[in-house]
Amino acid sequence: HVLCEKPFSANVNEAIAAAAAARQAQRQVMEGFMWRFH
């Protein structure tokens, strides 16, 4: 499983590829915006 610091990627195509990899691996992924949890 992956918690990746922001920004999630350099561009949206990379983000789409990473999201597809998460679905294929059946693992959770989250972009690290810590402020949302305060």
PDB file of all heavy atoms in Angstrom:
ATOM      1  N   HIS A   1       0.869  -1.174   0.000  1.00  0.00           N
ATOM      2  CA  HIS A   1       0.000   0.000   0.000  1.00  0.00           C
ATOM      3  C   HIS A   1       0.909   1.228   0.000  1.00  0.00           C
ATOM      4  O   HIS A   1       2.057   1.160   0.469  1.00  0.00           O
ATOM      5  CB  HIS A   1      -0.891   0.003   1.234  1.00  0.00           C
ATOM      6  CG  HIS A   1      -1.750  -1.231   1.346  1.00  0.00           C
ATOM      7  ND1 HIS A   1      -2.951  -1.369   0.709  1.00  0.00           N
ATOM      8  CD2 HIS A   1      -1.547  -2.389   2.034  1.00  0.00           C
ATOM      9  CE1 HIS A   1      -3.470  -2.539   0.990  1.00  0.00           C
ATOM     10  NE2 HIS A   1      -2.645  -3.189   1.796  1.00  0.00           N
ATOM     11  N   VAL A   2       0.410   2.363  -0.506  1.00  0.00           N
ATOM     12  CA  VAL A   2       1.286   3.526  -0.693  1.00  0.00           C
ATOM     13  C   VAL A   2       0.629   4.819  -0.216  1.00  0.00           C
ATOM     14  O   VAL A   2      -0.498   5.138  -0.608  1.00  0.00           O
ATOM     15  CB  VAL A   2       1.683   3.688  -2.178  1.00  0.00           C
ATOM     16  CG1 VAL A   2       2.584   4.928  -2.348  1.00  0.00           C
ATOM     17  CG2 VAL A   2       2.391   2.452  -2.700  1.00  0.00           C
ATOM     18  N   LEU A   3       1.364   5.542   0.614  1.00  0.00           N
ATOM     19  CA  LEU A   3       1.060   6.944   0.916  1.00  0.00           C
ATOM     20  C   LEU A   3       2.160   7.758   0.272  1.00  0.00           C
ATOM     21  O   LEU A   3       3.323   7.695   0.696  1.00  0.00           O
ATOM     22  CB  LEU A   3       1.012   7.193   2.420  1.00  0.00           C
ATOM     23  CG  LEU A   3       0.859   8.648   2.874  1.00  0.00           C
ATOM     24  CD1 LEU A   3      -0.405   9.273   2.298  1.00  0.00           C
ATOM     25  CD2 LEU A   3       0.848   8.751   4.391  1.00  0.00           C
ATOM     26  N   CYS A   4       1.804   8.486  -0.790  1.00  0.00           N
ATOM     27  CA  CYS A   4       2.789   9.258  -1.546  1.00  0.00           C
ATOM     28  C   CYS A   4       2.613  10.735  -1.246  1.00  0.00           C
ATOM     29  O   CYS A   4       1.495  11.256  -1.301  1.00  0.00           O
ATOM     30  CB  CYS A   4       2.610   8.996  -3.043  1.00  0.00           C
ATOM     31  SG  CYS A   4       3.763   9.914  -4.089  1.00  0.00           S
ATOM     32  N   GLU A   5       3.702  11.411  -0.959  1.00  0.00           N
ATOM     33  CA  GLU A   5       3.623  12.851  -0.709  1.00  0.00           C
ATOM     34  C   GLU A   5       3.074  13.582  -1.935  1.00  0.00           C
ATOM     35  O   GLU A   5       3.204  13.133  -3.068  1.00  0.00           O
ATOM     36  CB  GLU A   5       5.001  13.411  -0.348  1.00  0.00           C
ATOM     37  CG  GLU A   5       5.272  13.479   1.140  1.00  0.00           C
ATOM     38  CD  GLU A   5       4.206  14.234   1.910  1.00  0.00           C
ATOM     39  OE1 GLU A   5       3.640  15.217   1.390  1.00  0.00           O
ATOM     40  OE2 GLU A   5       3.922  13.834   3.046  1.00  0.00           O
ATOM     41  N   LYS A   6       2.451  14.720  -1.655  1.00  0.00           N
ATOM     42  CA  LYS A   6       1.965  15.576  -2.734  1.00  0.00           C
ATOM     43  C   LYS A   6       3.158  16.176  -3.487  1.00  0.00           C
ATOM     44  O   LYS A   6       4.246  16.308  -2.902  1.00  0.00           O
ATOM     45  CB  LYS A   6       1.052  16.669  -2.172  1.00  0.00           C
ATOM     46  CG  LYS A   6       1.725  17.536  -1.089  1.00  0.00           C
ATOM     47  CD  LYS A   6       2.643  18.561  -1.684  1.00  0.00           C
ATOM     48  CE  LYS A   6       3.579  19.169  -0.692  1.00  0.00           C
ATOM     49  NZ  LYS A   6       4.660  19.933  -1.353  1.00  0.00           N
ATOM     50  N   PRO A   7       3.026  16.535  -4.743  1.00  0.00           N
ATOM     51  CA  PRO A   7       1.929  16.133  -5.611  1.00  0.00           C
ATOM     52  C   PRO A   7       2.057  14.658  -5.969  1.00  0.00           C
ATOM     53  O   PRO A   7       3.158  14.101  -5.960  1.00  0.00           O
ATOM     54  CB  PRO A   7       2.116  17.027  -6.841  1.00  0.00           C
ATOM     55  CG  PRO A   7       3.591  17.238  -6.918  1.00  0.00           C
ATOM     56  CD  PRO A   7       4.048  17.325  -5.483  1.00  0.00           C
ATOM     57  N   PHE A   8       0.929  14.035  -6.264  1.00  0.00           N
ATOM     58  CA  PHE A   8       0.890  12.600  -6.511  1.00  0.00           C
ATOM     59  C   PHE A   8       1.798  12.183  -7.661  1.00  0.00           C
ATOM     60  O   PHE A   8       2.346  11.077  -7.663  1.00  0.00           O
ATOM     61  CB  PHE A   8      -0.556  12.209  -6.810  1.00  0.00           C
ATOM     62  CG  PHE A   8      -0.802  10.737  -6.879  1.00  0.00           C
ATOM     63  CD1 PHE A   8      -0.606   9.935  -5.768  1.00  0.00           C
ATOM     64  CD2 PHE A   8      -1.257  10.153  -8.046  1.00  0.00           C
ATOM     65  CE1 PHE A   8      -0.859   8.570  -5.820  1.00  0.00           C
ATOM     66  CE2 PHE A   8      -1.510   8.796  -8.109  1.00  0.00           C
ATOM     67  CZ  PHE A   8      -1.310   7.995  -6.994  1.00  0.00           C
ATOM     68  N   SER A   9       1.962  13.070  -8.631  1.00  0.00           N
ATOM     69  CA  SER A   9       2.752  12.754  -9.818  1.00  0.00           C
ATOM     70  C   SER A   9       3.177  14.044 -10.499  1.00  0.00           C
ATOM     71  O   SER A   9       2.826  15.139 -10.052  1.00  0.00           O
ATOM     72  CB  SER A   9       1.926  11.894 -10.790  1.00  0.00           C
ATOM     73  OG  SER A   9       0.746  12.589 -11.184  1.00  0.00           O
ATOM     74  N   ALA A  10       3.902  13.908 -11.594  1.00  0.00           N
ATOM     75  CA  ALA A  10       4.333  15.087 -12.351  1.00  0.00           C
ATOM     76  C   ALA A  10       3.259  15.570 -13.315  1.00  0.00           C
ATOM     77  O   ALA A  10       3.282  16.725 -13.740  1.00  0.00           O
ATOM     78  CB  ALA A  10       5.615  14.771 -13.120  1.00  0.00           C
ATOM     79  N   ASN A  11       2.309  14.700 -13.666  1.00  0.00           N
ATOM     80  CA  ASN A  11       1.228  15.062 -14.581  1.00  0.00           C
ATOM     81  C   ASN A  11       0.101  14.048 -14.450  1.00  0.00           C
ATOM     82  O   ASN A  11       0.260  13.003 -13.803  1.00  0.00           O
ATOM     83  CB  ASN A  11       1.722  15.145 -16.036  1.00  0.00           C
ATOM     84  CG  ASN A  11       2.402  13.862 -16.478  1.00  0.00           C
ATOM     85  OD1 ASN A  11       1.782  12.799 -16.508  1.00  0.00           O
ATOM     86  ND2 ASN A  11       3.692  13.953 -16.807  1.00  0.00           N
ATOM     87  N   VAL A  12      -1.012  14.334 -15.089  1.00  0.00           N
ATOM     88  CA  VAL A  12      -2.184  13.478 -14.915  1.00  0.00           C
ATOM     89  C   VAL A  12      -2.000  12.112 -15.553  1.00  0.00           C
ATOM     90  O   VAL A  12      -2.535  11.105 -15.051  1.00  0.00           O
ATOM     91  CB  VAL A  12      -3.449  14.175 -15.453  1.00  0.00           C
ATOM     92  CG1 VAL A  12      -3.443  14.232 -16.983  1.00  0.00           C
ATOM     93  CG2 VAL A  12      -4.705  13.466 -14.937  1.00  0.00           C
ATOM     94  N   ASN A  13      -1.246  12.002 -16.640  1.00  0.00           N
ATOM     95  CA  ASN A  13      -1.037  10.692 -17.256  1.00  0.00           C
ATOM     96  C   ASN A  13      -0.307   9.750 -16.300  1.00  0.00           C
ATOM     97  O   ASN A  13      -0.626   8.555 -16.223  1.00  0.00           O
ATOM     98  CB  ASN A  13      -0.274  10.829 -18.570  1.00  0.00           C
ATOM     99  CG  ASN A  13      -1.104  11.468 -19.662  1.00  0.00           C
ATOM    100  OD1 ASN A  13      -2.339  11.371 -19.648  1.00  0.00           O
ATOM    101  ND2 ASN A  13      -0.458  12.131 -20.596  1.00  0.00           N
ATOM    102  N   GLU A  14       0.672  10.281 -15.573  1.00  0.00           N
ATOM    103  CA  GLU A  14       1.344   9.469 -14.563  1.00  0.00           C
ATOM    104  C   GLU A  14       0.377   9.065 -13.452  1.00  0.00           C
ATOM    105  O   GLU A  14       0.428   7.931 -12.950  1.00  0.00           O
ATOM    106  CB  GLU A  14       2.525  10.232 -13.968  1.00  0.00           C
ATOM    107  CG  GLU A  14       3.708  10.412 -14.890  1.00  0.00           C
ATOM    108  CD  GLU A  14       4.896  11.048 -14.193  1.00  0.00           C
ATOM    109  OE1 GLU A  14       4.765  11.432 -13.011  1.00  0.00           O
ATOM    110  OE2 GLU A  14       5.954  11.162 -14.836  1.00  0.00           O
ATOM    111  N   ALA A  15      -0.489   9.988 -13.063  1.00  0.00           N
ATOM    112  CA  ALA A  15      -1.458   9.688 -12.006  1.00  0.00           C
ATOM    113  C   ALA A  15      -2.424   8.595 -12.443  1.00  0.00           C
ATOM    114  O   ALA A  15      -2.763   7.694 -11.660  1.00  0.00           O
ATOM    115  CB  ALA A  15      -2.227  10.948 -11.632  1.00  0.00           C
ATOM    116  N   ILE A  16      -2.866   8.656 -13.691  1.00  0.00           N
ATOM    117  CA  ILE A  16      -3.763   7.628 -14.219  1.00  0.00           C
ATOM    118  C   ILE A  16      -3.078   6.264 -14.211  1.00  0.00           C
ATOM    119  O   ILE A  16      -3.678   5.245 -13.854  1.00  0.00           O
ATOM    120  CB  ILE A  16      -4.222   8.007 -15.641  1.00  0.00           C
ATOM    121  CG1 ILE A  16      -5.170   9.215 -15.582  1.00  0.00           C
ATOM    122  CG2 ILE A  16      -4.913   6.826 -16.329  1.00  0.00           C
ATOM    123  CD1 ILE A  16      -5.488   9.814 -16.925  1.00  0.00           C
ATOM    124  N   ALA A  17      -1.805   6.234 -14.594  1.00  0.00           N
ATOM    125  CA  ALA A  17      -1.051   4.980 -14.592  1.00  0.00           C
ATOM    126  C   ALA A  17      -0.919   4.419 -13.175  1.00  0.00           C
ATOM    127  O   ALA A  17      -1.046   3.206 -12.950  1.00  0.00           O
ATOM    128  CB  ALA A  17       0.323   5.185 -15.220  1.00  0.00           C
ATOM    129  N   ALA A  18      -0.669   5.289 -12.201  1.00  0.00           N
ATOM    130  CA  ALA A  18      -0.541   4.846 -10.811  1.00  0.00           C
ATOM    131  C   ALA A  18      -1.883   4.340 -10.278  1.00  0.00           C
ATOM    132  O   ALA A  18      -1.929   3.333  -9.550  1.00  0.00           O
ATOM    133  CB  ALA A  18      -0.012   5.980  -9.942  1.00  0.00           C
ATOM    134  N   ALA A  19      -2.965   5.015 -10.629  1.00  0.00           N
ATOM    135  CA  ALA A  19      -4.293   4.571 -10.197  1.00  0.00           C
ATOM    136  C   ALA A  19      -4.620   3.209 -10.788  1.00  0.00           C
ATOM    137  O   ALA A  19      -5.199   2.338 -10.109  1.00  0.00           O
ATOM    138  CB  ALA A  19      -5.348   5.597 -10.590  1.00  0.00           C
ATOM    139  N   ALA A  20      -4.259   3.002 -12.043  1.00  0.00           N
ATOM    140  CA  ALA A  20      -4.485   1.703 -12.678  1.00  0.00           C
ATOM    141  C   ALA A  20      -3.667   0.615 -11.984  1.00  0.00           C
ATOM    142  O   ALA A  20      -4.145  -0.513 -11.783  1.00  0.00           O
ATOM    143  CB  ALA A  20      -4.131   1.772 -14.158  1.00  0.00           C
ATOM    144  N   ALA A  21      -2.439   0.951 -11.604  1.00  0.00           N
ATOM    145  CA  ALA A  21      -1.584  -0.014 -10.897  1.00  0.00           C
ATOM    146  C   ALA A  21      -2.184  -0.374  -9.547  1.00  0.00           C
ATOM    147  O   ALA A  21      -2.098  -1.530  -9.104  1.00  0.00           O
ATOM    148  CB  ALA A  21      -0.183   0.561 -10.730  1.00  0.00           C
ATOM    149  N   ALA A  22      -2.802   0.602  -8.879  1.00  0.00           N
ATOM    150  CA  ALA A  22      -3.432   0.335  -7.586  1.00  0.00           C
ATOM    151  C   ALA A  22      -4.616  -0.609  -7.740  1.00  0.00           C
ATOM    152  O   ALA A  22      -4.811  -1.528  -6.934  1.00  0.00           O
ATOM    153  CB  ALA A  22      -3.872   1.651  -6.942  1.00  0.00           C
ATOM    154  N   ARG A  23      -5.419  -0.400  -8.781  1.00  0.00           N
ATOM    155  CA  ARG A  23      -6.560  -1.290  -9.020  1.00  0.00           C
ATOM    156  C   ARG A  23      -6.078  -2.705  -9.331  1.00  0.00           C
ATOM    157  O   ARG A  23      -6.628  -3.686  -8.819  1.00  0.00           O
ATOM    158  CB  ARG A  23      -7.408  -0.752 -10.175  1.00  0.00           C
ATOM    159  CG  ARG A  23      -8.187   0.513  -9.827  1.00  0.00           C
ATOM    160  CD  ARG A  23      -9.223   0.819 -10.891  1.00  0.00           C
ATOM    161  NE  ARG A  23      -8.606   1.086 -12.188  1.00  0.00           N
ATOM    162  CZ  ARG A  23      -8.220   2.277 -12.602  1.00  0.00           C
ATOM    163  NH1 ARG A  23      -8.352   3.333 -11.797  1.00  0.00           N
ATOM    164  NH2 ARG A  23      -7.686   2.437 -13.802  1.00  0.00           N
ATOM    165  N   GLN A  24      -5.046  -2.805 -10.156  1.00  0.00           N
ATOM    166  CA  GLN A  24      -4.536  -4.116 -10.527  1.00  0.00           C
ATOM    167  C   GLN A  24      -3.953  -4.849  -9.319  1.00  0.00           C
ATOM    168  O   GLN A  24      -4.154  -6.052  -9.147  1.00  0.00           O
ATOM    169  CB  GLN A  24      -3.472  -3.990 -11.620  1.00  0.00           C
ATOM    170  CG  GLN A  24      -2.919  -5.326 -12.098  1.00  0.00           C
ATOM    171  CD  GLN A  24      -1.942  -5.166 -13.249  1.00  0.00           C
ATOM    172  OE1 GLN A  24      -1.705  -4.063 -13.739  1.00  0.00           O
ATOM    173  NE2 GLN A  24      -1.368  -6.260 -13.709  1.00  0.00           N
ATOM    174  N   ALA A  25      -3.240  -4.118  -8.477  1.00  0.00           N
ATOM    175  CA  ALA A  25      -2.609  -4.731  -7.308  1.00  0.00           C
ATOM    176  C   ALA A  25      -3.586  -4.924  -6.150  1.00  0.00           C
ATOM    177  O   ALA A  25      -3.262  -5.630  -5.187  1.00  0.00           O
ATOM    178  CB  ALA A  25      -1.436  -3.871  -6.843  1.00  0.00           C
ATOM    179  N   GLN A  26      -4.767  -4.290  -6.257  1.00  0.00           N
ATOM    180  CA  GLN A  26      -5.756  -4.318  -5.174  1.00  0.00           C
ATOM    181  C   GLN A  26      -5.137  -3.827  -3.864  1.00  0.00           C
ATOM    182  O   GLN A  26      -5.276  -4.438  -2.806  1.00  0.00           O
ATOM    183  CB  GLN A  26      -6.343  -5.722  -5.014  1.00  0.00           C
ATOM    184  CG  GLN A  26      -7.087  -6.196  -6.246  1.00  0.00           C
ATOM    185  CD  GLN A  26      -7.736  -7.569  -6.063  1.00  0.00           C
ATOM    186  OE1 GLN A  26      -7.938  -8.031  -4.950  1.00  0.00           O
ATOM    187  NE2 GLN A  26      -8.054  -8.223  -7.163  1.00  0.00           N
ATOM    188  N   ARG A  27      -4.435  -2.703  -3.993  1.00  0.00           N
ATOM    189  CA  ARG A  27      -3.815  -2.054  -2.849  1.00  0.00           C
ATOM    190  C   ARG A  27      -4.305  -0.612  -2.765  1.00  0.00           C
ATOM    191  O   ARG A  27      -4.705  -0.019  -3.762  1.00  0.00           O
ATOM    192  CB  ARG A  27      -2.288  -2.083  -2.960  1.00  0.00           C
ATOM    193  CG  ARG A  27      -1.683  -3.468  -2.846  1.00  0.00           C
ATOM    194  CD  ARG A  27      -1.912  -4.054  -1.463  1.00  0.00           C
ATOM    195  NE  ARG A  27      -1.288  -5.349  -1.280  1.00  0.00           N
ATOM    196  CZ  ARG A  27      -1.889  -6.509  -1.521  1.00  0.00           C
ATOM    197  NH1 ARG A  27      -3.125  -6.532  -1.995  1.00  0.00           N
ATOM    198  NH2 ARG A  27      -1.259  -7.653  -1.302  1.00  0.00           N
ATOM    199  N   GLN A  28      -4.241  -0.057  -1.567  1.00  0.00           N
ATOM    200  CA  GLN A  28      -4.701   1.304  -1.361  1.00  0.00           C
ATOM    201  C   GLN A  28      -3.570   2.299  -1.616  1.00  0.00           C
ATOM    202  O   GLN A  28      -2.402   2.033  -1.297  1.00  0.00           O
ATOM    203  CB  GLN A  28      -5.236   1.480   0.056  1.00  0.00           C
ATOM    204  CG  GLN A  28      -6.485   0.660   0.337  1.00  0.00           C
ATOM    205  CD  GLN A  28      -7.412   1.349   1.309  1.00  0.00           C
ATOM    206  OE1 GLN A  28      -7.636   2.569   1.243  1.00  0.00           O
ATOM    207  NE2 GLN A  28      -7.981   0.580   2.213  1.00  0.00           N
ATOM    208  N   VAL A  29      -3.952   3.451  -2.158  1.00  0.00           N
ATOM    209  CA  VAL A  29      -3.020   4.539  -2.433  1.00  0.00           C
ATOM    210  C   VAL A  29      -3.665   5.840  -1.990  1.00  0.00           C
ATOM    211  O   VAL A  29      -4.865   6.051  -2.175  1.00  0.00           O
ATOM    212  CB  VAL A  29      -2.686   4.622  -3.941  1.00  0.00           C
ATOM    213  CG1 VAL A  29      -1.840   5.865  -4.236  1.00  0.00           C
ATOM    214  CG2 VAL A  29      -1.950   3.384  -4.401  1.00  0.00           C
ATOM    215  N   MET A  30      -2.862   6.722  -1.405  1.00  0.00           N
ATOM    216  CA  MET A  30      -3.372   8.033  -1.010  1.00  0.00           C
ATOM    217  C   MET A  30      -2.300   9.089  -1.224  1.00  0.00           C
ATOM    218  O   MET A  30      -1.115   8.834  -1.006  1.00  0.00           O
ATOM    219  CB  MET A  30      -3.810   8.030   0.455  1.00  0.00           C
ATOM    220  CG  MET A  30      -4.559   9.300   0.872  1.00  0.00           C
ATOM    221  SD  MET A  30      -5.263   9.188   2.545  1.00  0.00           S
ATOM    222  CE  MET A  30      -3.781   9.450   3.534  1.00  0.00           C
ATOM    223  N   GLU A  31      -2.743  10.268  -1.670  1.00  0.00           N
ATOM    224  CA  GLU A  31      -1.849  11.413  -1.818  1.00  0.00           C
ATOM    225  C   GLU A  31      -1.749  12.127  -0.472  1.00  0.00           C
ATOM    226  O   GLU A  31      -2.757  12.360   0.200  1.00  0.00           O
ATOM    227  CB  GLU A  31      -2.403  12.362  -2.883  1.00  0.00           C
ATOM    228  CG  GLU A  31      -1.525  13.555  -3.181  1.00  0.00           C
ATOM    229  CD  GLU A  31      -2.067  14.410  -4.318  1.00  0.00           C
ATOM    230  OE1 GLU A  31      -3.263  14.239  -4.678  1.00  0.00           O
ATOM    231  OE2 GLU A  31      -1.311  15.234  -4.853  1.00  0.00           O
ATOM    232  N   GLY A  32      -0.520  12.497  -0.089  1.00  0.00           N
ATOM    233  CA  GLY A  32      -0.268  12.998   1.257  1.00  0.00           C
ATOM    234  C   GLY A  32      -0.579  14.464   1.483  1.00  0.00           C
ATOM    235  O   GLY A  32       0.352  15.270   1.608  1.00  0.00           O
ATOM    236  N   PHE A  33      -1.857  14.821   1.563  1.00  0.00           N
ATOM    237  CA  PHE A  33      -2.256  16.166   1.988  1.00  0.00           C
ATOM    238  C   PHE A  33      -2.650  16.100   3.456  1.00  0.00           C
ATOM    239  O   PHE A  33      -3.801  15.810   3.801  1.00  0.00           O
ATOM    240  CB  PHE A  33      -3.419  16.683   1.143  1.00  0.00           C
ATOM    241  CG  PHE A  33      -3.005  17.231  -0.192  1.00  0.00           C
ATOM    242  CD1 PHE A  33      -3.431  16.627  -1.358  1.00  0.00           C
ATOM    243  CD2 PHE A  33      -2.191  18.348  -0.277  1.00  0.00           C
ATOM    244  CE1 PHE A  33      -3.059  17.130  -2.592  1.00  0.00           C
ATOM    245  CE2 PHE A  33      -1.804  18.865  -1.506  1.00  0.00           C
ATOM    246  CZ  PHE A  33      -2.245  18.253  -2.666  1.00  0.00           C
ATOM    247  N   MET A  34      -1.689  16.377   4.306  1.00  0.00           N
ATOM    248  CA  MET A  34      -1.901  16.213   5.751  1.00  0.00           C
ATOM    249  C   MET A  34      -2.962  17.141   6.299  1.00  0.00           C
ATOM    250  O   MET A  34      -3.628  16.835   7.297  1.00  0.00           O
ATOM    251  CB  MET A  34      -0.572  16.418   6.481  1.00  0.00           C
ATOM    252  CG  MET A  34      -0.101  17.863   6.608  1.00  0.00           C
ATOM    253  SD  MET A  34       0.236  18.663   5.021  1.00  0.00           S
ATOM    254  CE  MET A  34       0.747  20.298   5.564  1.00  0.00           C
ATOM    255  N   TRP A  35      -3.139  18.329   5.682  1.00  0.00           N
ATOM    256  CA  TRP A  35      -4.047  19.331   6.218  1.00  0.00           C
ATOM    257  C   TRP A  35      -5.477  18.815   6.328  1.00  0.00           C
ATOM    258  O   TRP A  35      -6.247  19.238   7.194  1.00  0.00           O
ATOM    259  CB  TRP A  35      -4.018  20.608   5.364  1.00  0.00           C
ATOM    260  CG  TRP A  35      -4.607  20.462   3.983  1.00  0.00           C
ATOM    261  CD1 TRP A  35      -3.940  20.137   2.837  1.00  0.00           C
ATOM    262  CD2 TRP A  35      -5.974  20.634   3.608  1.00  0.00           C
ATOM    263  NE1 TRP A  35      -4.807  20.093   1.772  1.00  0.00           N
ATOM    264  CE2 TRP A  35      -6.064  20.389   2.227  1.00  0.00           C
ATOM    265  CE3 TRP A  35      -7.137  20.961   4.305  1.00  0.00           C
ATOM    266  CZ2 TRP A  35      -7.263  20.461   1.518  1.00  0.00           C
ATOM    267  CZ3 TRP A  35      -8.334  21.027   3.608  1.00  0.00           C
ATOM    268  CH2 TRP A  35      -8.384  20.789   2.230  1.00  0.00           C
ATOM    269  N   ARG A  36      -5.835  17.857   5.456  1.00  0.00           N
ATOM    270  CA  ARG A  36      -7.213  17.372   5.430  1.00  0.00           C
ATOM    271  C   ARG A  36      -7.598  16.621   6.708  1.00  0.00           C
ATOM    272  O   ARG A  36      -8.791  16.419   6.963  1.00  0.00           O
ATOM    273  CB  ARG A  36      -7.408  16.453   4.217  1.00  0.00           C
ATOM    274  CG  ARG A  36      -7.192  17.163   2.895  1.00  0.00           C
ATOM    275  CD  ARG A  36      -7.577  16.347   1.693  1.00  0.00           C
ATOM    276  NE  ARG A  36      -6.642  15.292   1.359  1.00  0.00           N
ATOM    277  CZ  ARG A  36      -6.530  14.762   0.136  1.00  0.00           C
ATOM    278  NH1 ARG A  36      -7.300  15.208  -0.856  1.00  0.00           N
ATOM    279  NH2 ARG A  36      -5.676  13.791  -0.115  1.00  0.00           N
ATOM    280  N   PHE A  37      -6.589  16.224   7.501  1.00  0.00           N
ATOM    281  CA  PHE A  37      -6.871  15.416   8.681  1.00  0.00           C
ATOM    282  C   PHE A  37      -6.834  16.223   9.979  1.00  0.00           C
ATOM    283  O   PHE A  37      -7.066  15.663  11.044  1.00  0.00           O
ATOM    284  CB  PHE A  37      -5.885  14.243   8.739  1.00  0.00           C
ATOM    285  CG  PHE A  37      -5.992  13.373   7.515  1.00  0.00           C
ATOM    286  CD1 PHE A  37      -5.138  13.564   6.434  1.00  0.00           C
ATOM    287  CD2 PHE A  37      -6.973  12.406   7.431  1.00  0.00           C
ATOM    288  CE1 PHE A  37      -5.262  12.791   5.293  1.00  0.00           C
ATOM    289  CE2 PHE A  37      -7.099  11.623   6.294  1.00  0.00           C
ATOM    290  CZ  PHE A  37      -6.251  11.814   5.222  1.00  0.00           C
ATOM    291  N   HIS A  38      -6.573  17.511   9.873  1.00  0.00           N
ATOM    292  CA  HIS A  38      -6.551  18.331  11.080  1.00  0.00           C
ATOM    293  C   HIS A  38      -7.975  18.636  11.538  1.00  0.00           C
ATOM    294  O   HIS A  38      -8.853  18.905  10.707  1.00  0.00           O
ATOM    295  CB  HIS A  38      -5.790  19.638  10.839  1.00  0.00           C
ATOM    296  CG  HIS A  38      -5.383  20.313  12.104  1.00  0.00           C
ATOM    297  ND1 HIS A  38      -6.282  20.985  12.906  1.00  0.00           N
ATOM    298  CD2 HIS A  38      -4.177  20.409  12.731  1.00  0.00           C
ATOM    299  CE1 HIS A  38      -5.654  21.468  13.966  1.00  0.00           C
ATOM    300  NE2 HIS A  38      -4.377  21.124  13.881  1.00  0.00           N
TER     301      HIS A  38
END
